[in-house]
């Protein structure tokens, strides 16, 4: 297993082709290419030029608002990052879905027939969806149900603000909607690190009355009453962060004893009804689930990412990944950290040096517990290891 990253800052197709097309000779099983601030025509020119110089069996391409390559992050400027991989013993299954085809996949058996493999093959899914004209949550729920405990990871194209503005490319075909993706099976382990950049405040509460995404009661008390108590008992710093945004951490595994960082799915508190005392959150929730309130700021996001990468080092007993894909929210970067290259430098400090590519997303895909979810303000990483090492 070998990975290589090629990166350049440019908007000129010829310059990008020259920079990304040069390198060691050989055939690559996989290429993942990210391009920022480029037209459909320029994207196609770049792909054609790179493929003329580099032998790539399967190529996955997406456009975005910012690029991650090697050890740098380039925001709001043209750039390109290409991750190349030689993956002996790995089967790569490319796929494309648009909304019309997606609606036909209603049962797990439909998904098994579509992909032509089964859960026992332990696939890992890499996804690049367009945010328009596609029910991303429906797609993810379908794959979660059909392939339990099989990781999904990726990012939503962020280069356009209207339908058909993003460029997606899979092998030899161009798309401007839907989702392009790859499923990997065989001699590979893909670990995921999903940093939501939050920390809990207050106690854990059990939801005792809820309807869809509205929480009426926590531990038998009105939702608003519990919030008021949490705010009252919070530190002055946390009270200030609560004024910016109060987040809800929903536990994924109710059987687990002692919740820690990474055990919560973070969702926003969208509305607080002063009349009824209920709260509306950004996801469906049921009575019996547990929640804990969370806050987010730059300091917490730094702490969260560092702690999760340290845990990854410990879990893998110091073994380093061979390569990485990094999908980070376009609300992170300099906007959050007030410095350049934060997330990629943190990854390289803990697990590097390693070839890495990624982009700033309009939404991040990654697992919490045994299921994958769509996130915001998150860094979601895919770390590639030979299966024989684990």
Protein backbone atom coordinates (compact mmCIF):
# COMPACT_ATOMS: atom_id res chain seq x y z
CA UNK A 1 0.00 0.00 0.00
CA UNK A 2 1.43 3.35 -1.09
CA UNK A 3 0.01 6.89 -0.96
CA UNK A 4 1.25 10.10 -2.54
CA UNK A 5 -0.04 13.69 -2.46
CA UNK A 6 0.46 16.30 -5.18
CA UNK A 7 -0.60 19.88 -4.53
CA UNK A 8 -0.47 23.27 -6.21
CA UNK A 9 -1.95 26.75 -5.86
CA UNK A 10 -3.17 27.87 -9.27
CA UNK A 11 -6.29 28.57 -11.32
CA UNK A 12 -4.60 27.87 -14.65
CA UNK A 13 -5.45 24.37 -15.96
CA UNK A 14 -2.11 23.99 -17.71
CA UNK A 15 -0.18 24.88 -14.56
CA UNK A 16 -2.27 22.44 -12.50
CA UNK A 17 -1.73 19.66 -15.03
CA UNK A 18 2.01 20.32 -15.03
CA UNK A 19 2.22 20.25 -11.22
CA UNK A 20 -0.09 17.29 -10.56
CA UNK A 21 0.89 15.28 -13.62
CA UNK A 22 4.57 15.05 -12.67
CA UNK A 23 5.74 12.35 -10.31
CA UNK A 24 6.89 8.76 -10.03
CA UNK A 25 5.85 6.51 -12.88
CA UNK A 26 3.46 3.65 -12.35
CA UNK A 27 -0.20 2.72 -12.22
CA UNK A 28 -2.32 4.00 -9.36
CA UNK A 29 -5.44 2.15 -8.27
CA UNK A 30 -7.09 5.26 -6.84
CA UNK A 31 -6.93 9.02 -7.29
CA UNK A 32 -8.94 11.56 -5.30
CA UNK A 33 -8.76 15.10 -6.69
CA UNK A 34 -10.11 18.32 -5.17
CA UNK A 35 -10.24 21.61 -7.09
CA UNK A 36 -11.28 25.03 -5.83
CA UNK A 37 -12.70 27.98 -7.77
CA UNK A 38 -12.80 26.36 -11.21
CA UNK A 39 -15.41 26.27 -13.96
CA UNK A 40 -16.84 23.02 -15.34
CA UNK A 41 -14.79 23.45 -18.51
CA UNK A 42 -11.54 24.00 -16.60
CA UNK A 43 -12.21 20.99 -14.37
CA UNK A 44 -12.68 18.76 -17.40
CA UNK A 45 -9.49 20.13 -18.97
CA UNK A 46 -7.52 19.43 -15.79
CA UNK A 47 -8.85 15.89 -15.50
CA UNK A 48 -8.12 15.11 -19.13
CA UNK A 49 -4.58 16.47 -18.80
CA UNK A 50 -3.80 14.59 -15.58
CA UNK A 51 -5.16 11.31 -16.94
CA UNK A 52 -3.00 11.72 -20.03
CA UNK A 53 0.11 11.81 -17.82
CA UNK A 54 -0.86 9.61 -14.84
CA UNK A 55 -2.29 6.08 -15.10
CA UNK A 56 -5.19 6.07 -12.59
CA UNK A 57 -7.66 3.18 -12.54
CA UNK A 58 -10.37 4.96 -10.51
CA UNK A 59 -10.59 8.75 -10.16
CA UNK A 60 -12.93 10.61 -7.80
CA UNK A 61 -13.17 14.41 -8.21
CA UNK A 62 -15.04 17.23 -6.48
CA UNK A 63 -14.98 21.04 -6.47
CA UNK A 64 -14.97 23.13 -3.35
CA UNK A 65 -14.32 26.49 -1.70
CA UNK A 66 -10.98 25.58 -0.14
CA UNK A 67 -8.27 22.92 -0.45
CA UNK A 68 -6.19 20.81 1.93
CA UNK A 69 -2.96 19.33 0.63
CA UNK A 70 0.04 17.84 2.41
CA UNK A 71 0.59 20.27 5.29
CA UNK A 72 -1.31 23.36 4.09
CA UNK A 73 -4.84 24.68 3.89
CA UNK A 74 -5.80 27.13 1.14
CA UNK A 75 -9.05 29.02 1.73
CA UNK A 76 -10.91 31.15 -0.79
CA UNK A 77 -8.12 30.88 -3.36
CA UNK A 78 -7.65 28.58 -6.36
CA UNK A 79 -5.76 25.37 -5.60
CA UNK A 80 -5.71 21.66 -6.37
CA UNK A 81 -4.84 18.60 -4.29
CA UNK A 82 -4.50 15.03 -5.60
CA UNK A 83 -4.14 11.95 -3.41
CA UNK A 84 -2.86 8.91 -5.30
CA UNK A 85 -2.85 5.37 -3.94
CA UNK A 86 -1.60 1.92 -4.90
CA UNK A 87 -3.86 -0.54 -3.10
CA UNK A 88 -2.93 -4.17 -3.74
CA UNK A 89 -5.57 -6.58 -2.50
CA UNK A 90 -8.26 -3.88 -2.39
CA UNK A 91 -11.38 -3.92 -4.56
CA UNK A 92 -12.60 -0.44 -5.55
CA UNK A 93 -16.28 -0.20 -6.52
CA UNK A 94 -17.27 3.19 -8.00
CA UNK A 95 -20.89 4.36 -7.89
CA UNK A 96 -23.11 7.30 -8.80
CA UNK A 97 -26.60 8.17 -7.55
CA UNK A 98 -29.00 10.95 -8.45
CA UNK A 99 -32.28 11.67 -6.68
CA UNK A 100 -34.35 9.67 -9.17
CA UNK A 101 -32.31 6.50 -8.67
CA UNK A 102 -32.03 7.09 -4.93
CA UNK A 103 -35.81 6.97 -4.42
CA UNK A 104 -35.85 3.43 -5.84
CA UNK A 105 -33.55 2.13 -3.09
CA UNK A 106 -36.04 1.53 -0.27
CA UNK A 107 -34.91 -1.70 1.41
CA UNK A 108 -31.50 -3.10 2.40
CA UNK A 109 -31.86 -5.69 -0.36
CA UNK A 110 -32.18 -2.85 -2.90
CA UNK A 111 -28.87 -1.42 -1.73
CA UNK A 112 -27.19 -4.85 -1.81
CA UNK A 113 -28.31 -5.29 -5.41
CA UNK A 114 -27.18 -1.77 -6.33
CA UNK A 115 -23.67 -2.18 -4.91
CA UNK A 116 -23.38 -5.91 -5.66
CA UNK A 117 -21.75 -6.73 -2.34
CA UNK A 118 -22.97 -7.58 1.16
CA UNK A 119 -22.31 -6.38 4.73
CA UNK A 120 -20.03 -9.31 5.56
CA UNK A 121 -17.51 -7.87 3.06
CA UNK A 122 -17.09 -4.85 5.41
CA UNK A 123 -17.09 -2.07 2.81
CA UNK A 124 -15.91 1.46 3.54
CA UNK A 125 -17.79 4.18 1.65
CA UNK A 126 -16.15 7.41 0.41
CA UNK A 127 -18.82 9.95 -0.60
CA UNK A 128 -18.76 13.30 -2.42
CA UNK A 129 -22.37 14.55 -2.59
CA UNK A 130 -23.65 17.74 -4.19
CA UNK A 131 -25.86 19.64 -1.69
CA UNK A 132 -28.60 20.38 -4.22
CA UNK A 133 -31.33 18.07 -5.61
CA UNK A 134 -30.27 15.13 -3.41
CA UNK A 135 -31.72 13.88 -0.12
CA UNK A 136 -28.41 13.19 1.57
CA UNK A 137 -29.91 12.02 4.87
CA UNK A 138 -32.17 9.54 3.04
CA UNK A 139 -29.12 8.15 1.24
CA UNK A 140 -27.09 7.84 4.43
CA UNK A 141 -29.98 6.22 6.35
CA UNK A 142 -30.30 3.67 3.56
CA UNK A 143 -26.61 2.77 3.57
CA UNK A 144 -26.53 2.68 7.39
CA UNK A 145 -29.41 0.20 7.42
CA UNK A 146 -28.05 -1.96 4.59
CA UNK A 147 -24.44 -2.02 5.83
CA UNK A 148 -24.42 -1.75 9.64
CA UNK A 149 -21.10 -0.89 11.26
CA UNK A 150 -19.55 -0.07 7.87
CA UNK A 151 -17.97 3.41 7.86
CA UNK A 152 -19.13 6.22 5.60
CA UNK A 153 -16.94 9.28 5.28
CA UNK A 154 -16.77 12.27 2.97
CA UNK A 155 -17.75 15.87 2.42
CA UNK A 156 -20.38 17.89 0.59
CA UNK A 157 -19.18 19.88 -2.41
CA UNK A 158 -18.88 23.55 -1.43
CA UNK A 159 -17.78 25.38 -4.57
CA UNK A 160 -21.20 26.66 -5.72
CA UNK A 161 -24.26 28.35 -4.21
CA UNK A 162 -26.86 27.10 -6.69
CA UNK A 163 -27.83 23.81 -8.37
CA UNK A 164 -25.58 22.44 -11.12
CA UNK A 165 -22.73 24.74 -10.08
CA UNK A 166 -20.45 22.08 -8.59
CA UNK A 167 -18.36 19.67 -10.63
CA UNK A 168 -18.28 15.99 -9.70
CA UNK A 169 -16.33 13.42 -11.65
CA UNK A 170 -16.11 9.65 -11.41
CA UNK A 171 -13.72 7.66 -13.59
CA UNK A 172 -14.65 8.91 -17.09
CA UNK A 173 -17.96 10.70 -16.43
CA UNK A 174 -18.79 14.28 -15.41
CA UNK A 175 -21.80 15.15 -13.19
CA UNK A 176 -23.23 18.40 -11.80
CA UNK A 177 -25.66 16.84 -9.30
CA UNK A 178 -26.11 13.72 -7.17
CA UNK A 179 -23.33 11.89 -5.38
CA UNK A 180 -20.15 10.22 -6.62
CA UNK A 181 -18.48 7.68 -4.43
CA UNK A 182 -16.30 4.63 -3.98
CA UNK A 183 -16.66 1.52 -1.84
CA UNK A 184 -13.45 -0.14 -0.68
CA UNK A 185 -13.29 -3.81 0.32
CA UNK A 186 -10.43 -6.20 0.87
CA UNK A 187 -6.98 -5.73 2.40
CA UNK A 188 -7.47 -2.28 3.91
CA UNK A 189 -8.55 -0.71 7.19
CA UNK A 190 -10.02 2.78 7.14
CA UNK A 191 -10.25 4.32 10.60
CA UNK A 192 -12.22 7.51 11.12
CA UNK A 193 -11.64 10.44 13.44
CA UNK A 194 -14.63 12.78 13.72
CA UNK A 195 -13.95 15.95 15.70
CA UNK A 196 -17.10 17.97 16.36
CA UNK A 197 -15.16 20.60 18.29
CA UNK A 198 -17.43 20.72 21.34
CA UNK A 199 -17.34 20.01 25.04
CA UNK A 200 -20.16 19.15 27.45
CA UNK A 201 -21.52 21.34 30.23
CA UNK A 202 -23.91 20.35 33.00
CA UNK A 203 -25.29 16.88 33.66
CA UNK A 204 -26.60 14.15 31.37
CA UNK A 205 -30.41 14.16 31.15
CA UNK A 206 -32.87 11.55 29.91
CA UNK A 207 -35.48 12.68 27.37
CA UNK A 208 -38.84 11.80 28.93
CA UNK A 209 -41.18 13.48 26.41
CA UNK A 210 -40.40 14.25 22.78
CA UNK A 211 -42.12 14.48 19.40
CA UNK A 212 -39.98 14.20 16.27
CA UNK A 213 -37.37 16.97 16.76
CA UNK A 214 -39.09 18.72 19.69
CA UNK A 215 -38.05 17.98 23.28
CA UNK A 216 -40.74 18.74 25.85
CA UNK A 217 -39.24 17.21 28.99
CA UNK A 218 -35.86 16.17 30.35
CA UNK A 219 -35.83 13.84 33.35
CA UNK A 220 -39.48 14.70 33.97
CA UNK A 221 -38.92 18.47 33.98
CA UNK A 222 -39.77 21.08 31.32
CA UNK A 223 -36.95 21.47 28.80
CA UNK A 224 -36.71 25.23 29.36
CA UNK A 225 -36.43 24.77 33.12
CA UNK A 226 -33.45 22.45 32.71
CA UNK A 227 -31.74 24.91 30.33
CA UNK A 228 -32.19 27.75 32.80
CA UNK A 229 -30.59 25.64 35.51
CA UNK A 230 -27.64 24.67 33.28
CA UNK A 231 -27.03 28.32 32.35
CA UNK A 232 -27.25 29.42 35.98
CA UNK A 233 -24.64 26.85 37.06
CA UNK A 234 -22.28 27.45 34.13
CA UNK A 235 -19.02 29.37 34.44
CA UNK A 236 -18.94 32.98 33.20
CA UNK A 237 -16.98 31.87 30.15
CA UNK A 238 -19.51 29.16 29.30
CA UNK A 239 -22.40 31.55 29.85
CA UNK A 240 -20.85 33.77 27.19
CA UNK A 241 -20.52 30.81 24.79
CA UNK A 242 -24.13 29.82 25.45
CA UNK A 243 -25.20 33.26 24.26
CA UNK A 244 -23.52 32.49 20.91
CA UNK A 245 -24.90 28.97 20.53
CA UNK A 246 -26.15 26.22 22.82
CA UNK A 247 -25.72 22.77 21.30
CA UNK A 248 -27.33 19.44 22.11
CA UNK A 249 -25.23 16.30 22.40
CA UNK A 250 -27.37 13.20 21.81
CA UNK A 251 -25.97 9.89 23.05
CA UNK A 252 -25.69 7.21 20.37
CA UNK A 253 -25.19 4.13 22.56
CA UNK A 254 -27.61 4.13 25.47
CA UNK A 255 -26.06 0.94 26.86
CA UNK A 256 -22.67 2.57 27.39
CA UNK A 257 -21.61 3.45 30.92
CA UNK A 258 -19.76 6.72 31.42
CA UNK A 259 -20.01 8.99 28.38
CA UNK A 260 -16.89 10.71 27.09
CA UNK A 261 -15.77 12.89 24.20
CA UNK A 262 -16.91 11.38 20.90
CA UNK A 263 -19.94 9.58 22.37
CA UNK A 264 -22.37 12.38 21.45
CA UNK A 265 -23.89 13.41 18.15
CA UNK A 266 -23.91 17.21 18.20
CA UNK A 267 -27.02 19.00 16.98
CA UNK A 268 -28.07 22.65 17.17
CA UNK A 269 -30.79 24.06 19.41
CA UNK A 270 -32.87 25.74 16.74
CA UNK A 271 -35.65 27.27 18.79
CA UNK A 272 -36.85 27.63 22.37
CA UNK A 273 -40.60 28.09 22.85
CA UNK A 274 -41.13 30.37 25.84
CA UNK A 275 -44.85 29.53 25.98
CA UNK A 276 -44.66 25.73 26.03
CA UNK A 277 -41.14 25.36 27.43
CA UNK A 278 -40.16 22.99 24.62
CA UNK A 279 -37.03 23.06 22.50
CA UNK A 280 -36.61 22.28 18.79
CA UNK A 281 -33.32 20.64 17.80
CA UNK A 282 -31.75 19.82 14.47
CA UNK A 283 -32.59 16.11 14.40
CA UNK A 284 -35.26 13.60 15.36
CA UNK A 285 -35.07 12.44 18.98
CA UNK A 286 -37.04 9.92 21.02
CA UNK A 287 -38.01 9.48 24.67
CA UNK A 288 -35.44 7.33 26.42
CA UNK A 289 -32.43 8.87 24.70
CA UNK A 290 -29.98 10.87 26.80
CA UNK A 291 -28.61 14.32 26.05
CA UNK A 292 -26.02 16.70 27.41
CA UNK A 293 -25.68 20.36 26.53
CA UNK A 294 -22.49 21.42 24.73
CA UNK A 295 -20.64 24.61 23.79
CA UNK A 296 -18.14 25.31 21.04
CA UNK A 297 -15.28 27.77 20.53
CA UNK A 298 -11.79 27.73 19.06
CA UNK A 299 -10.11 26.61 22.27
CA UNK A 300 -12.53 23.71 22.64
CA UNK A 301 -12.12 22.72 18.97
CA UNK A 302 -8.33 22.65 19.38
CA UNK A 303 -8.63 20.52 22.52
CA UNK A 304 -11.13 18.14 20.91
CA UNK A 305 -9.07 17.43 17.79
CA UNK A 306 -5.84 16.95 19.74
CA UNK A 307 -7.47 14.57 22.23
CA UNK A 308 -9.08 12.44 19.52
CA UNK A 309 -5.81 12.13 17.59
CA UNK A 310 -3.95 11.16 20.76
CA UNK A 311 -6.57 8.46 21.38
CA UNK A 312 -6.10 7.26 17.79
CA UNK A 313 -2.32 7.00 18.34
CA UNK A 314 -2.88 5.00 21.51
CA UNK A 315 -5.46 2.71 19.94
CA UNK A 316 -3.16 1.90 17.01
CA UNK A 317 -0.17 1.49 19.40
CA UNK A 318 1.84 4.14 17.58
CA UNK A 319 1.40 2.72 14.08
CA UNK A 320 1.03 5.47 11.50
CA UNK A 321 -1.52 5.56 8.69
CA UNK A 322 -0.24 5.35 5.13
CA UNK A 323 -2.47 8.22 3.92
CA UNK A 324 -5.43 10.38 4.86
CA UNK A 325 -8.44 12.21 3.46
CA UNK A 326 -9.55 15.25 5.45
CA UNK A 327 -13.03 16.76 5.24
CA UNK A 328 -13.33 19.92 7.31
CA UNK A 329 -16.14 22.45 7.62
CA UNK A 330 -15.83 25.74 5.77
CA UNK A 331 -16.69 27.37 9.11
CA UNK A 332 -13.42 26.14 10.61
CA UNK A 333 -10.04 27.20 9.22
CA UNK A 334 -9.04 30.81 9.74
CA UNK A 335 -12.64 31.76 10.56
CA UNK A 336 -12.53 29.71 13.75
CA UNK A 337 -8.86 29.42 14.70
CA UNK A 338 -7.55 32.84 13.54
CA UNK A 339 -4.52 31.06 12.08
CA UNK A 340 -3.69 29.13 8.94
CA UNK A 341 -3.40 25.36 8.44
CA UNK A 342 -4.71 24.41 11.89
CA UNK A 343 -6.43 21.08 11.21
CA UNK A 344 -3.92 19.63 8.76
CA UNK A 345 -0.93 20.67 10.87
CA UNK A 346 -2.55 19.04 13.93
CA UNK A 347 -3.04 15.81 11.99
CA UNK A 348 0.57 15.85 10.76
CA UNK A 349 1.91 16.64 14.26
CA UNK A 350 0.21 13.58 15.75
CA UNK A 351 0.18 10.99 12.95
CA UNK A 352 2.53 12.30 10.26
CA UNK A 353 4.33 12.78 8.15
CA UNK A 354 1.79 11.25 5.78
CA UNK A 355 0.30 12.07 2.36
CA UNK A 356 -3.03 13.83 2.87
CA UNK A 357 -5.62 15.65 0.78
CA UNK A 358 -9.00 17.16 1.51
CA UNK A 359 -11.23 20.18 1.25
CA UNK A 360 -13.43 22.66 3.10
CA UNK A 361 -16.96 21.24 2.95
CA UNK A 362 -20.56 22.43 3.08
CA UNK A 363 -21.21 19.51 5.44
CA UNK A 364 -19.12 16.61 6.68
CA UNK A 365 -19.93 12.89 6.72
CA UNK A 366 -18.54 10.60 9.39
CA UNK A 367 -19.52 7.98 11.95
CA UNK A 368 -20.42 8.49 15.59
CA UNK A 369 -20.64 5.06 17.16
CA UNK A 370 -21.83 2.48 14.64
CA UNK A 371 -23.65 4.87 12.27
CA UNK A 372 -22.60 7.69 9.97
CA UNK A 373 -24.18 11.13 10.21
CA UNK A 374 -24.12 14.46 8.45
CA UNK A 375 -22.28 17.07 10.54
CA UNK A 376 -21.48 20.75 10.63
CA UNK A 377 -18.44 22.62 12.05
CA UNK A 378 -16.69 19.24 12.10
CA UNK A 379 -13.43 17.72 10.92
CA UNK A 380 -13.98 14.20 9.59
CA UNK A 381 -10.86 12.21 8.67
CA UNK A 382 -10.33 8.90 6.88
CA UNK A 383 -7.05 7.23 7.92
CA UNK A 384 -5.79 4.38 5.73
CA UNK A 385 -3.93 1.42 7.22
CA UNK A 386 -3.05 -1.99 5.77
CA UNK A 387 -5.48 -4.46 7.30
CA UNK A 388 -2.66 -6.80 8.28
CA UNK A 389 -1.31 -4.13 10.69
CA UNK A 390 -4.42 -3.98 12.82
